[in-house]
Protein backbone atom coordinates (compact mmCIF):
# COMPACT_ATOMS: atom_id res chain seq x y z
CA MET A 1 0.29 0.10 0.22
CA LEU A 2 3.01 2.38 0.24
CA LYS A 3 3.62 3.42 -3.12
CA SER A 4 7.40 3.93 -3.42
CA GLY A 5 7.48 6.02 -6.52
CA LEU A 6 5.48 8.91 -4.95
CA LEU A 7 8.54 10.29 -3.04
CA LYS A 8 10.89 10.07 -6.16
CA LYS A 9 8.00 11.83 -8.02
CA LEU A 10 7.59 14.43 -5.43
CA ARG A 11 11.27 15.36 -5.31
CA GLU A 12 11.25 15.56 -8.87
CA GLU A 13 8.38 17.92 -9.25
CA LYS A 14 8.52 19.99 -6.19
CA PRO A 15 4.68 20.22 -5.68
CA LEU A 16 3.63 24.04 -4.71
CA VAL A 17 1.63 23.45 -1.51
CA HIS A 18 -0.57 26.43 -0.30
CA CYS A 19 -0.92 26.57 3.05
CA ILE A 20 -3.34 28.69 4.95
CA THR A 21 -2.26 27.76 8.37
CA ASN A 22 -1.75 29.06 12.02
CA MET A 23 0.90 31.56 13.26
CA VAL A 24 2.49 28.65 15.45
CA VAL A 25 3.39 26.18 12.93
CA ALA A 26 3.77 28.25 9.80
CA ASN A 27 7.72 28.36 9.94
CA PHE A 28 8.17 24.77 11.03
CA GLN A 29 5.64 23.71 8.47
CA ALA A 30 7.56 25.57 5.57
CA ASN A 31 10.96 23.97 6.43
CA GLY A 32 9.73 20.40 6.63
CA LEU A 33 7.90 20.91 3.19
CA LEU A 34 11.31 22.13 1.73
CA ALA A 35 13.20 19.63 3.43
CA ILE A 36 10.99 16.70 2.02
CA GLY A 37 11.65 18.24 -1.61
CA ALA A 38 8.27 20.27 -1.66
CA SER A 39 7.72 23.97 -2.41
CA PRO A 40 5.73 25.89 0.25
CA LEU A 41 3.45 28.94 -0.32
CA MET A 42 2.25 30.55 3.01
CA ALA A 43 -0.35 33.13 2.04
CA ASP A 44 -3.92 33.97 3.79
CA ALA A 45 -4.72 37.31 2.45
CA LEU A 46 -8.25 36.98 1.07
CA GLU A 47 -7.12 39.22 -2.00
CA GLU A 48 -5.18 36.60 -3.43
CA THR A 49 -5.86 33.13 -1.97
CA PRO A 50 -8.30 32.05 -5.19
CA GLU A 51 -5.35 32.92 -7.26
CA MET A 52 -2.59 31.31 -5.26
CA ALA A 53 -5.01 28.15 -4.72
CA ALA A 54 -5.51 27.88 -8.31
CA ALA A 55 -1.80 27.93 -9.36
CA SER A 56 -0.54 25.24 -6.55
CA SER A 57 -0.48 21.83 -6.46
CA SER A 58 -2.34 21.26 -3.45
CA LEU A 59 -4.13 23.39 -0.94
CA VAL A 60 -3.88 22.95 3.03
CA LEU A 61 -6.11 24.19 5.63
CA ASN A 62 -5.30 24.34 9.14
CA ILE A 63 -7.45 26.50 11.78
CA GLY A 64 -4.94 26.17 14.80
CA THR A 65 -5.22 29.94 15.10
CA LEU A 66 -8.64 30.83 14.00
CA HIS A 67 -9.99 34.46 12.67
CA ALA A 68 -13.20 35.17 11.05
CA SER A 69 -10.80 36.48 8.10
CA THR A 70 -8.87 33.39 8.04
CA VAL A 71 -12.04 31.33 7.46
CA GLU A 72 -13.30 33.53 4.39
CA SER A 73 -9.66 33.23 2.87
CA MET A 74 -10.19 29.42 3.44
CA LEU A 75 -13.41 29.32 2.19
CA ALA A 76 -12.20 31.44 -1.07
CA ALA A 77 -9.19 29.11 -1.55
CA GLY A 78 -10.95 25.64 -1.34
CA LYS A 79 -13.85 26.79 -3.86
CA SER A 80 -10.56 27.73 -6.34
CA ALA A 81 -9.03 24.66 -5.35
CA ASN A 82 -11.98 22.79 -5.94
CA GLN A 83 -12.67 24.41 -9.49
CA ALA A 84 -9.50 23.82 -10.40
CA GLY A 85 -9.34 19.82 -9.44
CA ILE A 86 -6.50 20.59 -7.04
CA PRO A 87 -6.50 18.32 -3.48
CA VAL A 88 -7.51 19.98 -0.60
CA VAL A 89 -6.23 18.77 2.72
CA LEU A 90 -8.17 19.99 6.21
CA ASP A 91 -6.77 19.92 9.54
CA PRO A 92 -9.38 20.61 12.01
CA VAL A 93 -6.84 21.58 15.03
CA GLY A 94 -8.90 21.37 18.47
CA ALA A 95 -11.93 21.28 16.24
CA GLY A 96 -14.21 20.19 19.29
CA ALA A 97 -12.34 23.07 21.96
CA THR A 98 -15.24 25.57 21.05
CA ALA A 99 -18.16 26.08 19.49
CA PHE A 100 -16.74 28.39 16.83
CA ARG A 101 -14.15 26.02 15.91
CA LYS A 102 -16.86 23.28 15.51
CA SER A 103 -19.09 25.67 13.37
CA VAL A 104 -15.97 26.29 11.04
CA VAL A 105 -14.77 23.01 10.52
CA LYS A 106 -18.63 22.09 9.86
CA GLN A 107 -19.01 24.93 7.15
CA LEU A 108 -15.60 23.99 5.52
CA LEU A 109 -16.72 20.31 4.97
CA ASN A 110 -20.30 21.13 4.07
CA GLU A 111 -19.06 23.96 1.35
CA LEU A 112 -15.81 22.51 0.07
CA ASP A 113 -14.76 19.11 -1.33
CA ILE A 114 -12.04 18.16 1.10
CA THR A 115 -9.59 15.45 -0.09
CA LEU A 116 -8.28 14.66 2.97
CA ILE A 117 -9.19 15.26 6.75
CA ARG A 118 -6.24 14.87 8.85
CA CYS A 119 -6.99 14.72 12.31
CA ASN A 120 -6.27 13.26 15.88
CA ALA A 121 -8.58 11.07 17.81
CA GLY A 122 -10.28 14.10 19.53
CA GLU A 123 -11.05 16.04 16.40
CA LEU A 124 -12.39 13.01 14.55
CA ALA A 125 -14.88 12.91 17.68
CA ALA A 126 -15.72 16.30 17.48
CA ILE A 127 -16.41 15.97 13.64
CA ALA A 128 -18.34 12.91 14.00
CA GLY A 129 -20.35 13.59 17.20
CA ALA A 130 -18.78 10.83 19.27
CA GLU A 131 -18.19 10.76 22.97
CA TRP A 132 -14.60 11.81 23.82
CA ARG A 133 -12.90 13.57 26.59
CA ALA A 134 -10.15 15.93 25.15
CA ARG A 135 -8.98 19.35 26.29
CA GLY A 136 -7.97 22.13 23.71
CA VAL A 137 -5.95 20.87 20.98
CA ASP A 138 -4.86 17.26 22.83
CA ALA A 139 -6.10 13.94 21.29
CA GLY A 140 -7.72 13.11 24.67
CA GLU A 141 -9.19 9.89 25.48
CA GLY A 142 -12.38 7.64 25.24
CA ASP A 143 -14.02 4.36 24.05
CA MET A 144 -14.87 5.24 20.30
CA ASN A 145 -13.87 3.02 17.65
CA ILE A 146 -11.26 5.41 15.84
CA GLY A 147 -11.20 2.98 12.74
CA GLU A 148 -14.89 2.58 12.23
CA THR A 149 -15.55 6.28 13.01
CA ALA A 150 -12.79 7.08 10.32
CA LYS A 151 -14.49 5.14 8.14
CA LYS A 152 -18.02 6.35 8.81
CA THR A 153 -16.86 9.78 8.37
CA ALA A 154 -15.15 9.32 5.14
CA LYS A 155 -18.16 7.79 3.83
CA LYS A 156 -20.32 10.67 5.15
CA TYR A 157 -18.12 13.43 3.43
CA GLY A 158 -16.51 11.58 0.52
CA SER A 159 -12.90 12.23 1.94
CA ILE A 160 -10.06 10.51 2.95
CA VAL A 161 -9.81 10.52 6.76
CA ALA A 162 -6.32 10.11 8.43
CA VAL A 163 -6.44 9.91 12.33
CA THR A 164 -2.59 10.02 13.74
CA GLY A 165 -1.69 8.81 17.29
CA GLU A 166 0.17 5.68 18.89
CA LYS A 167 -1.58 4.00 15.72
CA ASP A 168 -2.68 5.90 12.94
CA TYR A 169 -5.81 5.15 10.86
CA VAL A 170 -6.55 5.94 7.17
CA SER A 171 -9.87 4.98 5.54
CA ASP A 172 -11.49 5.96 2.25
CA GLY A 173 -14.90 5.09 3.48
CA LYS A 174 -14.57 1.29 2.11
CA THR A 175 -11.25 0.31 3.75
CA VAL A 176 -9.29 1.03 7.06
CA VAL A 177 -5.75 1.02 7.26
CA ALA A 178 -3.38 1.17 10.27
CA ILE A 179 -0.06 2.21 10.28
CA GLN A 180 2.41 1.78 13.29
CA ASN A 181 5.52 3.98 12.69
CA GLY A 182 6.61 7.18 14.47
CA HIS A 183 8.49 7.87 17.93
CA PRO A 184 7.31 9.05 21.30
CA PHE A 185 8.95 12.65 20.80
CA MET A 186 6.48 13.53 17.85
CA PRO A 187 3.81 14.82 20.31
CA SER A 188 6.20 16.80 22.24
CA VAL A 189 7.29 19.06 19.22
CA THR A 190 4.51 21.96 18.58
CA GLY A 191 3.37 21.39 14.91
CA SER A 192 4.52 17.86 14.04
CA GLY A 193 0.89 16.92 12.99
CA CYS A 194 0.56 20.18 11.36
CA LEU A 195 3.63 19.50 9.30
CA LEU A 196 2.24 16.46 8.36
CA SER A 197 -0.60 17.80 6.99
CA GLY A 198 1.51 19.65 4.96
CA VAL A 199 3.56 16.54 3.77
CA ALA A 200 0.18 14.52 2.89
CA GLY A 201 -0.72 17.70 0.74
CA ALA A 202 2.53 17.50 -0.93
CA PHE A 203 1.97 13.89 -1.81
CA LEU A 204 -1.15 14.45 -2.77
CA GLY A 205 -0.21 16.92 -5.22
CA VAL A 206 1.69 14.43 -7.25
CA ALA A 207 -0.41 11.50 -6.68
CA ASN A 208 -2.81 11.97 -10.08
CA GLY A 209 -6.00 11.44 -7.99
CA ASP A 210 -4.91 8.12 -5.89
CA SER A 211 -5.32 9.93 -2.90
CA PHE A 212 -5.74 6.85 -0.58
CA VAL A 213 -2.72 5.16 -1.74
CA ALA A 214 -1.01 8.86 -1.08
CA ALA A 215 -2.27 9.45 2.08
CA ILE A 216 -0.96 6.15 3.40
CA THR A 217 2.17 6.65 1.84
CA SER A 218 2.54 10.25 3.33
CA LEU A 219 1.93 8.91 6.78
CA SER A 220 4.29 5.66 6.54
CA ILE A 221 6.99 8.15 5.21
CA TYR A 222 6.52 10.78 7.91
CA GLY A 223 6.53 8.26 10.70
CA ALA A 224 9.50 6.48 9.41
CA ALA A 225 11.39 9.71 9.31
CA GLY A 226 10.08 10.25 13.03
CA GLU A 227 11.74 6.72 13.81
CA LEU A 228 15.02 7.82 12.27
CA ALA A 229 15.32 11.36 14.03
CA GLY A 230 14.20 9.95 17.42
CA ALA A 231 17.03 7.24 16.98
CA ALA A 232 19.56 10.35 16.92
CA SER A 233 17.57 12.67 19.75
CA GLU A 234 18.28 13.08 23.15
CA GLY A 235 14.79 15.02 23.39
CA PRO A 236 12.35 17.33 21.86
CA GLY A 237 14.63 20.10 21.21
CA ASP A 238 17.14 18.20 18.89
CA PHE A 239 14.26 15.80 17.64
CA THR A 240 12.57 19.01 15.87
CA VAL A 241 16.11 19.67 13.74
CA ASN A 242 16.70 15.98 13.38
CA LEU A 243 13.20 15.42 11.98
CA LEU A 244 14.06 17.96 9.28
CA ASN A 245 17.15 16.45 8.70
CA ALA A 246 15.29 12.92 8.19
CA LEU A 247 12.62 14.02 6.18
CA HIS A 248 15.33 15.61 3.54
CA HIS A 249 17.59 12.41 3.69
CA ILE A 250 14.77 9.52 3.99
CA THR A 251 14.96 7.22 1.02
CA VAL A 252 12.22 4.53 -0.25
CA ASP A 253 14.04 1.74 1.13
CA GLU A 254 14.39 2.84 4.63
CA ALA A 255 10.66 3.76 4.61
CA LEU A 256 9.80 0.47 3.14
CA LEU A 257 12.10 -1.03 6.01
CA ARG A 258 10.08 0.44 8.64
CA ALA A 259 6.37 0.27 7.43
CA LYS A 260 3.93 -1.43 9.47
CA ILE A 261 0.97 -1.08 7.38
CA TYR A 262 -2.10 -3.55 7.72
CA GLU A 263 -5.42 -3.62 6.60
CA GLU A 264 -7.60 -3.30 10.11
CA VAL A 265 -10.19 -5.76 10.49
CA LEU A 266 -13.59 -4.15 11.77
CA SER A 267 -15.89 -6.32 13.77
C-alpha cells in the first residue's frame, strides 16, 4: 500500500503546497516541506488566496489559530482549488475545543470538497459527534472505535480520513488501514501534526488522484522519518532539527524497511 515511486516523484516535481495555516507552526511547516522536497506557499490574504490556490499543486487548510478573516480566505481558496481540481487537506486543529471551531469545521466540510481530513482522535470525535474526552487541541481519550469512526466519517464526507496517534488509521470510507510508525517525541513538538498535513498535501499534489494511497504513503514515510530522527535525538529540542534532516535524507528503502501497514479488520 506504500507507493514507493511517489517520494521520487515528489522530489522531482517539487509540488507547490499552498498552506493557510496557523501562526504557531507556519515556519516549521514551511521548513519541513522544503526538507522533503516540496515548495511551500504561505499566503492567507483573501485578496489573493483564490489565485494562489488555483496555481498550486495542493491546498492545506489549518484552523490552529482561527480568525473570521481566515475562514473567508479558506473558503475562497478552497472553492478555487475545487474548481481547478486541486486536492484540499483539512487539518481541524482543536475542532471540539470551542463552538466557533466546531462550526467552522462543519462549514468547511459542507461547502468544500475536502480530499483529506488529517486529524487526531479528539478532532475526529468532534467532527463525528462521538463521545470523547479532550482538552484544547490534545487528542484526549475515550472508548470510540477510531477505525470505524474514521470509515463512517470518510463515507459521509466523500473524503479520505487520516487519524494520527499511537496507531494511525486511514480510511476511504470502504477500507481502514492501520499504520504503526513514528516516535514518542513527535507529540512533544508543536506542529509535528501540522507538518504532516503539509507533507500529505505534497504527496497528494503528485498522486494524480490516487488519494488513498498517497495518504497512506505520506503517513508511513513521515512516521519512518520520525523513527530515524528519534534514534538520533536526546529530547524534543534536537528531535525537531533531526526530523527536518530525516525528511530531507529519507529514502524509499528506509521507509519500506520501517513500514508497518496493515488492513484493519473491523467487527
